[in-house]
Amino acid sequence: MSVEAIEPIAIVTDYLGLVTALRRRIVELGTGMEAVDAVAGLPARYTSKLLSRNYKTSLGQTSMGPLLGALGLKLAVLPDDEALAKVIDRLPPRGTKGPKLDDAKGEAWFGA
């Protein structure tokens, strides 16, 4: 199935949008955050902390995958031509210094 054929349940452009979409998904599934913790293998009440609007704890490398899996979600990264048009002039060409991206895989410093 191609990405174009998938109807998104949310379009997210910032962290608050992601948190809101994940909270809505929990409601849509008719379950609670502690049940999501159990399925995701996260500590009790951790999802509540992750999806809090206080942002004291945020989604990261360790929690993102298990939380998405428990909610039956995948993330797709799509180009946003309108947003790019606003910043393209401020993005200089890549230089010779700094971390290198593997052009074939798009992988960087995570060593994946």
PDB file of N, CA and C in Angstrom:
ATOM      1  N   MET A   1       0.850  -1.180   0.000  1.00  0.00           N
ATOM      2  CA  MET A   1       0.000   0.000   0.000  1.00  0.00           C
ATOM      3  C   MET A   1       0.893   1.239   0.000  1.00  0.00           C
ATOM      4  N   SER A   2       0.618   2.166  -0.861  1.00  0.00           N
ATOM      5  CA  SER A   2       1.404   3.394  -0.918  1.00  0.00           C
ATOM      6  C   SER A   2       0.906   4.381   0.135  1.00  0.00           C
ATOM      7  N   VAL A   3       1.776   5.317   0.497  1.00  0.00           N
ATOM      8  CA  VAL A   3       1.428   6.320   1.499  1.00  0.00           C
ATOM      9  C   VAL A   3       0.267   7.181   1.016  1.00  0.00           C
ATOM     10  N   GLU A   4       0.207   7.454  -0.286  1.00  0.00           N
ATOM     11  CA  GLU A   4      -0.856   8.296  -0.819  1.00  0.00           C
ATOM     12  C   GLU A   4      -2.238   7.685  -0.590  1.00  0.00           C
ATOM     13  N   ALA A   5      -2.312   6.372  -0.484  1.00  0.00           N
ATOM     14  CA  ALA A   5      -3.593   5.693  -0.313  1.00  0.00           C
ATOM     15  C   ALA A   5      -4.066   5.693   1.138  1.00  0.00           C
ATOM     16  N   ILE A   6      -3.219   6.113   2.045  1.00  0.00           N
ATOM     17  CA  ILE A   6      -3.559   6.100   3.464  1.00  0.00           C
ATOM     18  C   ILE A   6      -4.191   7.426   3.860  1.00  0.00           C
ATOM     19  N   GLU A   7      -5.349   7.361   4.488  1.00  0.00           N
ATOM     20  CA  GLU A   7      -6.013   8.560   4.990  1.00  0.00           C
ATOM     21  C   GLU A   7      -5.474   8.846   6.393  1.00  0.00           C
ATOM     22  N   PRO A   8      -4.791   9.968   6.597  1.00  0.00           N
ATOM     23  CA  PRO A   8      -4.236  10.246   7.927  1.00  0.00           C
ATOM     24  C   PRO A   8      -5.338  10.505   8.951  1.00  0.00           C
ATOM     25  N   ILE A   9      -5.084  10.083  10.175  1.00  0.00           N
ATOM     26  CA  ILE A   9      -6.039  10.399  11.237  1.00  0.00           C
ATOM     27  C   ILE A   9      -5.707  11.740  11.875  1.00  0.00           C
ATOM     28  N   ALA A  10      -4.504  12.245  11.605  1.00  0.00           N
ATOM     29  CA  ALA A  10      -4.103  13.573  12.082  1.00  0.00           C
ATOM     30  C   ALA A  10      -2.952  14.065  11.220  1.00  0.00           C
ATOM     31  N   ILE A  11      -2.872  15.360  11.046  1.00  0.00           N
ATOM     32  CA  ILE A  11      -1.725  15.995  10.414  1.00  0.00           C
ATOM     33  C   ILE A  11      -1.072  16.847  11.486  1.00  0.00           C
ATOM     34  N   VAL A  12       0.167  16.526  11.789  1.00  0.00           N
ATOM     35  CA  VAL A  12       0.868  17.110  12.920  1.00  0.00           C
ATOM     36  C   VAL A  12       2.036  17.951  12.418  1.00  0.00           C
ATOM     37  N   THR A  13       2.154  19.165  12.924  1.00  0.00           N
ATOM     38  CA  THR A  13       3.276  20.019  12.540  1.00  0.00           C
ATOM     39  C   THR A  13       4.095  20.490  13.735  1.00  0.00           C
ATOM     40  N   ASP A  14       3.693  20.089  14.955  1.00  0.00           N
ATOM     41  CA  ASP A  14       4.456  20.471  16.138  1.00  0.00           C
ATOM     42  C   ASP A  14       4.199  19.459  17.259  1.00  0.00           C
ATOM     43  N   TYR A  15       4.930  19.614  18.355  1.00  0.00           N
ATOM     44  CA  TYR A  15       4.846  18.645  19.444  1.00  0.00           C
ATOM     45  C   TYR A  15       3.449  18.615  20.070  1.00  0.00           C
ATOM     46  N   LEU A  16       2.850  19.761  20.282  1.00  0.00           N
ATOM     47  CA  LEU A  16       1.498  19.803  20.849  1.00  0.00           C
ATOM     48  C   LEU A  16       0.511  19.056  19.950  1.00  0.00           C
ATOM     49  N   GLY A  17       0.660  19.195  18.651  1.00  0.00           N
ATOM     50  CA  GLY A  17      -0.197  18.474  17.723  1.00  0.00           C
ATOM     51  C   GLY A  17      -0.017  16.972  17.835  1.00  0.00           C
ATOM     52  N   LEU A  18       1.220  16.524  18.028  1.00  0.00           N
ATOM     53  CA  LEU A  18       1.484  15.098  18.206  1.00  0.00           C
ATOM     54  C   LEU A  18       0.852  14.583  19.486  1.00  0.00           C
ATOM     55  N   VAL A  19       1.041  15.304  20.575  1.00  0.00           N
ATOM     56  CA  VAL A  19       0.450  14.915  21.859  1.00  0.00           C
ATOM     57  C   VAL A  19      -1.071  14.859  21.747  1.00  0.00           C
ATOM     58  N   THR A  20      -1.656  15.846  21.120  1.00  0.00           N
ATOM     59  CA  THR A  20      -3.113  15.885  20.954  1.00  0.00           C
ATOM     60  C   THR A  20      -3.598  14.695  20.126  1.00  0.00           C
ATOM     61  N   ALA A  21      -2.895  14.383  19.047  1.00  0.00           N
ATOM     62  CA  ALA A  21      -3.288  13.253  18.198  1.00  0.00           C
ATOM     63  C   ALA A  21      -3.199  11.935  18.961  1.00  0.00           C
ATOM     64  N   LEU A  22      -2.165  11.771  19.764  1.00  0.00           N
ATOM     65  CA  LEU A  22      -2.021  10.534  20.537  1.00  0.00           C
ATOM     66  C   LEU A  22      -3.104  10.424  21.607  1.00  0.00           C
ATOM     67  N   ARG A  23      -3.430  11.532  22.245  1.00  0.00           N
ATOM     68  CA  ARG A  23      -4.514  11.521  23.241  1.00  0.00           C
ATOM     69  C   ARG A  23      -5.846  11.168  22.573  1.00  0.00           C
ATOM     70  N   ARG A  24      -6.093  11.751  21.409  1.00  0.00           N
ATOM     71  CA  ARG A  24      -7.337  11.442  20.676  1.00  0.00           C
ATOM     72  C   ARG A  24      -7.399   9.970  20.291  1.00  0.00           C
ATOM     73  N   ARG A  25      -6.256   9.398  19.931  1.00  0.00           N
ATOM     74  CA  ARG A  25      -6.223   7.986  19.553  1.00  0.00           C
ATOM     75  C   ARG A  25      -6.611   7.093  20.729  1.00  0.00           C
ATOM     76  N   ILE A  26      -6.153   7.434  21.913  1.00  0.00           N
ATOM     77  CA  ILE A  26      -6.506   6.661  23.106  1.00  0.00           C
ATOM     78  C   ILE A  26      -8.015   6.715  23.329  1.00  0.00           C
ATOM     79  N   VAL A  27      -8.598   7.901  23.186  1.00  0.00           N
ATOM     80  CA  VAL A  27     -10.047   8.052  23.333  1.00  0.00           C
ATOM     81  C   VAL A  27     -10.764   7.256  22.245  1.00  0.00           C
ATOM     82  N   GLU A  28     -10.277   7.367  21.008  1.00  0.00           N
ATOM     83  CA  GLU A  28     -10.877   6.651  19.883  1.00  0.00           C
ATOM     84  C   GLU A  28     -10.873   5.139  20.119  1.00  0.00           C
ATOM     85  N   LEU A  29      -9.811   4.632  20.733  1.00  0.00           N
ATOM     86  CA  LEU A  29      -9.716   3.198  21.008  1.00  0.00           C
ATOM     87  C   LEU A  29     -10.571   2.781  22.205  1.00  0.00           C
ATOM     88  N   GLY A  30     -11.077   3.754  22.952  1.00  0.00           N
ATOM     89  CA  GLY A  30     -11.927   3.456  24.096  1.00  0.00           C
ATOM     90  C   GLY A  30     -11.178   2.813  25.245  1.00  0.00           C
ATOM     91  N   THR A  31      -9.921   3.170  25.406  1.00  0.00           N
ATOM     92  CA  THR A  31      -9.107   2.593  26.471  1.00  0.00           C
ATOM     93  C   THR A  31      -8.553   3.707  27.347  1.00  0.00           C
ATOM     94  N   GLY A  32      -7.756   3.339  28.318  1.00  0.00           N
ATOM     95  CA  GLY A  32      -7.163   4.322  29.215  1.00  0.00           C
ATOM     96  C   GLY A  32      -5.648   4.346  29.087  1.00  0.00           C
ATOM     97  N   MET A  33      -5.053   5.378  29.640  1.00  0.00           N
ATOM     98  CA  MET A  33      -3.606   5.541  29.537  1.00  0.00           C
ATOM     99  C   MET A  33      -2.850   4.447  30.285  1.00  0.00           C
ATOM    100  N   GLU A  34      -3.383   3.987  31.411  1.00  0.00           N
ATOM    101  CA  GLU A  34      -2.690   2.924  32.143  1.00  0.00           C
ATOM    102  C   GLU A  34      -2.712   1.620  31.362  1.00  0.00           C
ATOM    103  N   ALA A  35      -3.776   1.355  30.616  1.00  0.00           N
ATOM    104  CA  ALA A  35      -3.819   0.167  29.761  1.00  0.00           C
ATOM    105  C   ALA A  35      -2.774   0.292  28.655  1.00  0.00           C
ATOM    106  N   VAL A  36      -2.614   1.487  28.109  1.00  0.00           N
ATOM    107  CA  VAL A  36      -1.598   1.717  27.084  1.00  0.00           C
ATOM    108  C   VAL A  36      -0.213   1.479  27.676  1.00  0.00           C
ATOM    109  N   ASP A  37       0.015   1.948  28.914  1.00  0.00           N
ATOM    110  CA  ASP A  37       1.289   1.685  29.596  1.00  0.00           C
ATOM    111  C   ASP A  37       1.586   0.197  29.636  1.00  0.00           C
ATOM    112  N   ALA A  38       0.599  -0.580  30.033  1.00  0.00           N
ATOM    113  CA  ALA A  38       0.786  -2.025  30.186  1.00  0.00           C
ATOM    114  C   ALA A  38       1.124  -2.675  28.839  1.00  0.00           C
ATOM    115  N   VAL A  39       0.395  -2.313  27.791  1.00  0.00           N
ATOM    116  CA  VAL A  39       0.632  -2.907  26.475  1.00  0.00           C
ATOM    117  C   VAL A  39       1.988  -2.461  25.919  1.00  0.00           C
ATOM    118  N   ALA A  40       2.345  -1.206  26.150  1.00  0.00           N
ATOM    119  CA  ALA A  40       3.599  -0.658  25.632  1.00  0.00           C
ATOM    120  C   ALA A  40       4.815  -1.085  26.449  1.00  0.00           C
ATOM    121  N   GLY A  41       4.579  -1.639  27.631  1.00  0.00           N
ATOM    122  CA  GLY A  41       5.691  -2.007  28.492  1.00  0.00           C
ATOM    123  C   GLY A  41       6.329  -0.805  29.167  1.00  0.00           C
ATOM    124  N   LEU A  42       5.544   0.234  29.360  1.00  0.00           N
ATOM    125  CA  LEU A  42       6.023   1.454  30.007  1.00  0.00           C
ATOM    126  C   LEU A  42       5.642   1.424  31.477  1.00  0.00           C
ATOM    127  N   PRO A  43       6.352   2.163  32.327  1.00  0.00           N
ATOM    128  CA  PRO A  43       5.980   2.216  33.741  1.00  0.00           C
ATOM    129  C   PRO A  43       4.565   2.763  33.928  1.00  0.00           C
ATOM    130  N   ALA A  44       3.945   2.400  35.025  1.00  0.00           N
ATOM    131  CA  ALA A  44       2.583   2.865  35.333  1.00  0.00           C
ATOM    132  C   ALA A  44       2.520   4.388  35.298  1.00  0.00           C
ATOM    133  N   ARG A  45       1.480   4.898  34.695  1.00  0.00           N
ATOM    134  CA  ARG A  45       1.193   6.331  34.558  1.00  0.00           C
ATOM    135  C   ARG A  45       2.201   7.103  33.707  1.00  0.00           C
ATOM    136  N   TYR A  46       3.052   6.389  32.982  1.00  0.00           N
ATOM    137  CA  TYR A  46       4.047   7.062  32.154  1.00  0.00           C
ATOM    138  C   TYR A  46       3.416   7.720  30.928  1.00  0.00           C
ATOM    139  N   THR A  47       2.450   7.056  30.310  1.00  0.00           N
ATOM    140  CA  THR A  47       1.774   7.649  29.155  1.00  0.00           C
ATOM    141  C   THR A  47       1.100   8.951  29.556  1.00  0.00           C
ATOM    142  N   SER A  48       0.522   8.969  30.745  1.00  0.00           N
ATOM    143  CA  SER A  48      -0.100  10.196  31.244  1.00  0.00           C
ATOM    144  C   SER A  48       0.921  11.322  31.343  1.00  0.00           C
ATOM    145  N   LYS A  49       2.109  10.991  31.803  1.00  0.00           N
ATOM    146  CA  LYS A  49       3.170  12.005  31.888  1.00  0.00           C
ATOM    147  C   LYS A  49       3.631  12.436  30.497  1.00  0.00           C
ATOM    148  N   LEU A  50       3.783  11.462  29.591  1.00  0.00           N
ATOM    149  CA  LEU A  50       4.240  11.776  28.234  1.00  0.00           C
ATOM    150  C   LEU A  50       3.270  12.685  27.501  1.00  0.00           C
ATOM    151  N   LEU A  51       1.977  12.441  27.723  1.00  0.00           N
ATOM    152  CA  LEU A  51       0.964  13.183  26.964  1.00  0.00           C
ATOM    153  C   LEU A  51       0.374  14.344  27.754  1.00  0.00           C
ATOM    154  N   SER A  52       1.062  14.724  28.808  1.00  0.00           N
ATOM    155  CA  SER A  52       0.645  15.865  29.606  1.00  0.00           C
ATOM    156  C   SER A  52       0.976  17.154  28.868  1.00  0.00           C
ATOM    157  N   ARG A  53       0.192  18.150  29.078  1.00  0.00           N
ATOM    158  CA  ARG A  53       0.475  19.448  28.458  1.00  0.00           C
ATOM    159  C   ARG A  53       1.551  20.220  29.220  1.00  0.00           C
ATOM    160  N   ASN A  54       2.033  19.649  30.330  1.00  0.00           N
ATOM    161  CA  ASN A  54       3.089  20.310  31.103  1.00  0.00           C
ATOM    162  C   ASN A  54       4.472  20.074  30.516  1.00  0.00           C
ATOM    163  N   TYR A  55       4.621  19.061  29.667  1.00  0.00           N
ATOM    164  CA  TYR A  55       5.878  18.760  28.978  1.00  0.00           C
ATOM    165  C   TYR A  55       7.060  18.510  29.898  1.00  0.00           C
ATOM    166  N   LYS A  56       6.822  18.075  31.133  1.00  0.00           N
ATOM    167  CA  LYS A  56       7.943  17.759  32.017  1.00  0.00           C
ATOM    168  C   LYS A  56       8.628  16.481  31.560  1.00  0.00           C
ATOM    169  N   THR A  57       7.883  15.593  30.963  1.00  0.00           N
ATOM    170  CA  THR A  57       8.419  14.378  30.361  1.00  0.00           C
ATOM    171  C   THR A  57       7.939  14.394  28.918  1.00  0.00           C
ATOM    172  N   SER A  58       8.834  14.112  27.983  1.00  0.00           N
ATOM    173  CA  SER A  58       8.418  14.159  26.590  1.00  0.00           C
ATOM    174  C   SER A  58       8.756  12.849  25.880  1.00  0.00           C
ATOM    175  N   LEU A  59       8.076  12.631  24.776  1.00  0.00           N
ATOM    176  CA  LEU A  59       8.339  11.453  23.962  1.00  0.00           C
ATOM    177  C   LEU A  59       9.778  11.482  23.489  1.00  0.00           C
ATOM    178  N   GLY A  60      10.404  10.343  23.533  1.00  0.00           N
ATOM    179  CA  GLY A  60      11.793  10.285  23.107  1.00  0.00           C
ATOM    180  C   GLY A  60      12.109   8.966  22.439  1.00  0.00           C
ATOM    181  N   GLN A  61      13.375   8.709  22.277  1.00  0.00           N
ATOM    182  CA  GLN A  61      13.857   7.539  21.573  1.00  0.00           C
ATOM    183  C   GLN A  61      13.372   6.241  22.224  1.00  0.00           C
ATOM    184  N   THR A  62      13.267   6.217  23.537  1.00  0.00           N
ATOM    185  CA  THR A  62      12.873   5.001  24.246  1.00  0.00           C
ATOM    186  C   THR A  62      11.367   4.793  24.269  1.00  0.00           C
ATOM    187  N   SER A  63      10.591   5.860  24.383  1.00  0.00           N
ATOM    188  CA  SER A  63       9.147   5.726  24.573  1.00  0.00           C
ATOM    189  C   SER A  63       8.327   5.812  23.282  1.00  0.00           C
ATOM    190  N   MET A  64       8.838   6.461  22.257  1.00  0.00           N
ATOM    191  CA  MET A  64       8.044   6.692  21.045  1.00  0.00           C
ATOM    192  C   MET A  64       7.597   5.394  20.385  1.00  0.00           C
ATOM    193  N   GLY A  65       8.515   4.483  20.131  1.00  0.00           N
ATOM    194  CA  GLY A  65       8.182   3.237  19.445  1.00  0.00           C
ATOM    195  C   GLY A  65       7.151   2.400  20.193  1.00  0.00           C
ATOM    196  N   PRO A  66       7.383   2.119  21.485  1.00  0.00           N
ATOM    197  CA  PRO A  66       6.400   1.333  22.228  1.00  0.00           C
ATOM    198  C   PRO A  66       5.022   1.995  22.307  1.00  0.00           C
ATOM    199  N   LEU A  67       4.986   3.315  22.456  1.00  0.00           N
ATOM    200  CA  LEU A  67       3.701   4.011  22.536  1.00  0.00           C
ATOM    201  C   LEU A  67       2.956   3.927  21.204  1.00  0.00           C
ATOM    202  N   LEU A  68       3.663   4.168  20.105  1.00  0.00           N
ATOM    203  CA  LEU A  68       3.027   4.063  18.785  1.00  0.00           C
ATOM    204  C   LEU A  68       2.519   2.644  18.545  1.00  0.00           C
ATOM    205  N   GLY A  69       3.312   1.661  18.921  1.00  0.00           N
ATOM    206  CA  GLY A  69       2.905   0.273  18.740  1.00  0.00           C
ATOM    207  C   GLY A  69       1.665  -0.071  19.537  1.00  0.00           C
ATOM    208  N   ALA A  70       1.607   0.388  20.777  1.00  0.00           N
ATOM    209  CA  ALA A  70       0.458   0.108  21.638  1.00  0.00           C
ATOM    210  C   ALA A  70      -0.809   0.769  21.109  1.00  0.00           C
ATOM    211  N   LEU A  71      -0.656   1.863  20.400  1.00  0.00           N
ATOM    212  CA  LEU A  71      -1.816   2.564  19.844  1.00  0.00           C
ATOM    213  C   LEU A  71      -2.101   2.163  18.401  1.00  0.00           C
ATOM    214  N   GLY A  72      -1.322   1.228  17.876  1.00  0.00           N
ATOM    215  CA  GLY A  72      -1.536   0.782  16.501  1.00  0.00           C
ATOM    216  C   GLY A  72      -1.310   1.884  15.487  1.00  0.00           C
ATOM    217  N   LEU A  73      -0.235   2.651  15.686  1.00  0.00           N
ATOM    218  CA  LEU A  73       0.055   3.791  14.809  1.00  0.00           C
ATOM    219  C   LEU A  73       1.432   3.677  14.182  1.00  0.00           C
ATOM    220  N   LYS A  74       1.592   4.317  13.034  1.00  0.00           N
ATOM    221  CA  LYS A  74       2.874   4.542  12.379  1.00  0.00           C
ATOM    222  C   LYS A  74       2.942   6.021  12.048  1.00  0.00           C
ATOM    223  N   LEU A  75       4.134   6.562  12.028  1.00  0.00           N
ATOM    224  CA  LEU A  75       4.307   7.953  11.610  1.00  0.00           C
ATOM    225  C   LEU A  75       4.837   7.970  10.184  1.00  0.00           C
ATOM    226  N   ALA A  76       4.345   8.889   9.400  1.00  0.00           N
ATOM    227  CA  ALA A  76       4.848   9.107   8.051  1.00  0.00           C
ATOM    228  C   ALA A  76       5.387  10.529   7.987  1.00  0.00           C
ATOM    229  N   VAL A  77       6.560  10.685   7.444  1.00  0.00           N
ATOM    230  CA  VAL A  77       7.157  12.013   7.295  1.00  0.00           C
ATOM    231  C   VAL A  77       6.943  12.446   5.854  1.00  0.00           C
ATOM    232  N   LEU A  78       6.216  13.538   5.697  1.00  0.00           N
ATOM    233  CA  LEU A  78       5.840  14.013   4.372  1.00  0.00           C
ATOM    234  C   LEU A  78       6.408  15.402   4.117  1.00  0.00           C
ATOM    235  N   PRO A  79       6.753  15.697   2.879  1.00  0.00           N
ATOM    236  CA  PRO A  79       7.230  17.045   2.572  1.00  0.00           C
ATOM    237  C   PRO A  79       6.102  18.067   2.712  1.00  0.00           C
ATOM    238  N   ASP A  80       6.471  19.261   3.140  1.00  0.00           N
ATOM    239  CA  ASP A  80       5.528  20.373   3.259  1.00  0.00           C
ATOM    240  C   ASP A  80       6.107  21.521   2.439  1.00  0.00           C
ATOM    241  N   ASP A  81       5.709  21.588   1.186  1.00  0.00           N
ATOM    242  CA  ASP A  81       6.271  22.581   0.264  1.00  0.00           C
ATOM    243  C   ASP A  81       6.012  24.013   0.724  1.00  0.00           C
ATOM    244  N   GLU A  82       4.867  24.256   1.320  1.00  0.00           N
ATOM    245  CA  GLU A  82       4.536  25.606   1.796  1.00  0.00           C
ATOM    246  C   GLU A  82       5.486  26.031   2.917  1.00  0.00           C
ATOM    247  N   ALA A  83       5.737  25.138   3.867  1.00  0.00           N
ATOM    248  CA  ALA A  83       6.655  25.453   4.961  1.00  0.00           C
ATOM    249  C   ALA A  83       8.085  25.601   4.442  1.00  0.00           C
ATOM    250  N   LEU A  84       8.489  24.734   3.518  1.00  0.00           N
ATOM    251  CA  LEU A  84       9.836  24.801   2.967  1.00  0.00           C
ATOM    252  C   LEU A  84      10.065  26.113   2.226  1.00  0.00           C
ATOM    253  N   ALA A  85       9.063  26.578   1.512  1.00  0.00           N
ATOM    254  CA  ALA A  85       9.193  27.831   0.768  1.00  0.00           C
ATOM    255  C   ALA A  85       9.522  29.002   1.689  1.00  0.00           C
ATOM    256  N   LYS A  86       9.080  28.929   2.940  1.00  0.00           N
ATOM    257  CA  LYS A  86       9.323  30.017   3.890  1.00  0.00           C
ATOM    258  C   LYS A  86      10.752  30.021   4.424  1.00  0.00           C
ATOM    259  N   VAL A  87      11.449  28.893   4.354  1.00  0.00           N
ATOM    260  CA  VAL A  87      12.778  28.808   4.972  1.00  0.00           C
ATOM    261  C   VAL A  87      13.904  28.428   4.016  1.00  0.00           C
ATOM    262  N   ILE A  88      13.599  28.045   2.813  1.00  0.00           N
ATOM    263  CA  ILE A  88      14.602  27.501   1.905  1.00  0.00           C
ATOM    264  C   ILE A  88      15.785  28.443   1.688  1.00  0.00           C
ATOM    265  N   ASP A  89      15.544  29.741   1.679  1.00  0.00           N
ATOM    266  CA  ASP A  89      16.622  30.706   1.473  1.00  0.00           C
ATOM    267  C   ASP A  89      17.583  30.769   2.651  1.00  0.00           C
ATOM    268  N   ARG A  90      17.151  30.286   3.813  1.00  0.00           N
ATOM    269  CA  ARG A  90      18.000  30.318   5.011  1.00  0.00           C
ATOM    270  C   ARG A  90      18.735  29.003   5.239  1.00  0.00           C
ATOM    271  N   LEU A  91      18.542  28.023   4.361  1.00  0.00           N
ATOM    272  CA  LEU A  91      19.203  26.729   4.491  1.00  0.00           C
ATOM    273  C   LEU A  91      20.411  26.678   3.563  1.00  0.00           C
ATOM    274  N   PRO A  92      21.608  26.850   4.128  1.00  0.00           N
ATOM    275  CA  PRO A  92      22.797  26.823   3.273  1.00  0.00           C
ATOM    276  C   PRO A  92      23.089  25.396   2.812  1.00  0.00           C
ATOM    277  N   PRO A  93      23.850  25.265   1.742  1.00  0.00           N
ATOM    278  CA  PRO A  93      24.241  23.926   1.295  1.00  0.00           C
ATOM    279  C   PRO A  93      25.064  23.234   2.387  1.00  0.00           C
ATOM    280  N   ARG A  94      24.985  21.924   2.409  1.00  0.00           N
ATOM    281  CA  ARG A  94      25.730  21.148   3.404  1.00  0.00           C
ATOM    282  C   ARG A  94      27.216  21.330   3.163  1.00  0.00           C
ATOM    283  N   GLY A  95      27.940  21.590   4.237  1.00  0.00           N
ATOM    284  CA  GLY A  95      29.384  21.767   4.161  1.00  0.00           C
ATOM    285  C   GLY A  95      30.119  20.473   4.426  1.00  0.00           C
ATOM    286  N   THR A  96      31.401  20.597   4.615  1.00  0.00           N
ATOM    287  CA  THR A  96      32.229  19.419   4.848  1.00  0.00           C
ATOM    288  C   THR A  96      32.359  19.085   6.325  1.00  0.00           C
ATOM    289  N   LYS A  97      31.906  19.961   7.207  1.00  0.00           N
ATOM    290  CA  LYS A  97      32.025  19.731   8.648  1.00  0.00           C
ATOM    291  C   LYS A  97      30.713  19.218   9.203  1.00  0.00           C
ATOM    292  N   GLY A  98      30.785  18.616  10.365  1.00  0.00           N
ATOM    293  CA  GLY A  98      29.579  18.142  11.037  1.00  0.00           C
ATOM    294  C   GLY A  98      29.243  16.709  10.683  1.00  0.00           C
ATOM    295  N   PRO A  99      28.183  16.191  11.299  1.00  0.00           N
ATOM    296  CA  PRO A  99      27.805  14.790  11.059  1.00  0.00           C
ATOM    297  C   PRO A  99      27.396  14.567   9.610  1.00  0.00           C
ATOM    298  N   LYS A 100      27.734  13.410   9.125  1.00  0.00           N
ATOM    299  CA  LYS A 100      27.414  13.064   7.737  1.00  0.00           C
ATOM    300  C   LYS A 100      26.165  12.195   7.690  1.00  0.00           C
ATOM    301  N   LEU A 101      25.294  12.483   6.769  1.00  0.00           N
ATOM    302  CA  LEU A 101      24.145  11.636   6.501  1.00  0.00           C
ATOM    303  C   LEU A 101      24.542  10.630   5.434  1.00  0.00           C
ATOM    304  N   ASP A 102      24.086   9.419   5.589  1.00  0.00           N
ATOM    305  CA  ASP A 102      24.275   8.413   4.543  1.00  0.00           C
ATOM    306  C   ASP A 102      23.238   8.722   3.471  1.00  0.00           C
ATOM    307  N   ASP A 103      23.677   9.269   2.350  1.00  0.00           N
ATOM    308  CA  ASP A 103      22.753   9.711   1.308  1.00  0.00           C
ATOM    309  C   ASP A 103      21.829   8.599   0.823  1.00  0.00           C
ATOM    310  N   ALA A 104      22.298   7.368   0.831  1.00  0.00           N
ATOM    311  CA  ALA A 104      21.474   6.265   0.338  1.00  0.00           C
ATOM    312  C   ALA A 104      20.369   5.899   1.321  1.00  0.00           C
ATOM    313  N   LYS A 105      20.644   6.001   2.612  1.00  0.00           N
ATOM    314  CA  LYS A 105      19.676   5.558   3.613  1.00  0.00           C
ATOM    315  C   LYS A 105      19.040   6.699   4.389  1.00  0.00           C
ATOM    316  N   GLY A 106      19.622   7.886   4.343  1.00  0.00           N
ATOM    317  CA  GLY A 106      19.096   9.004   5.112  1.00  0.00           C
ATOM    318  C   GLY A 106      19.343   8.858   6.602  1.00  0.00           C
ATOM    319  N   GLU A 107      20.318   8.024   6.966  1.00  0.00           N
ATOM    320  CA  GLU A 107      20.607   7.793   8.375  1.00  0.00           C
ATOM    321  C   GLU A 107      21.719   8.705   8.837  1.00  0.00           C
ATOM    322  N   ALA A 108      21.720   9.018  10.099  1.00  0.00           N
ATOM    323  CA  ALA A 108      22.716   9.918  10.618  1.00  0.00           C
ATOM    324  C   ALA A 108      23.405   9.325  11.832  1.00  0.00           C
ATOM    325  N   TRP A 109      23.612  10.115  12.820  1.00  0.00           N
ATOM    326  CA  TRP A 109      24.431   9.821  13.981  1.00  0.00           C
ATOM    327  C   TRP A 109      23.836   8.795  14.944  1.00  0.00           C
ATOM    328  N   PHE A 110      22.680   8.227  14.667  1.00  0.00           N
ATOM    329  CA  PHE A 110      22.114   7.210  15.541  1.00  0.00           C
ATOM    330  C   PHE A 110      22.773   5.863  15.311  1.00  0.00           C
ATOM    331  N   GLY A 111      23.541   5.739  14.253  1.00  0.00           N
ATOM    332  CA  GLY A 111      24.254   4.509  13.976  1.00  0.00           C
ATOM    333  C   GLY A 111      23.340   3.381  13.497  1.00  0.00           C
ATOM    334  N   ALA A 112      22.173   3.730  13.003  1.00  0.00           N
ATOM    335  CA  ALA A 112      21.227   2.691  12.539  1.00  0.00           C
ATOM    336  C   ALA A 112      21.657   2.126  11.214  1.00  0.00           C
TER     337      ALA A 112
END
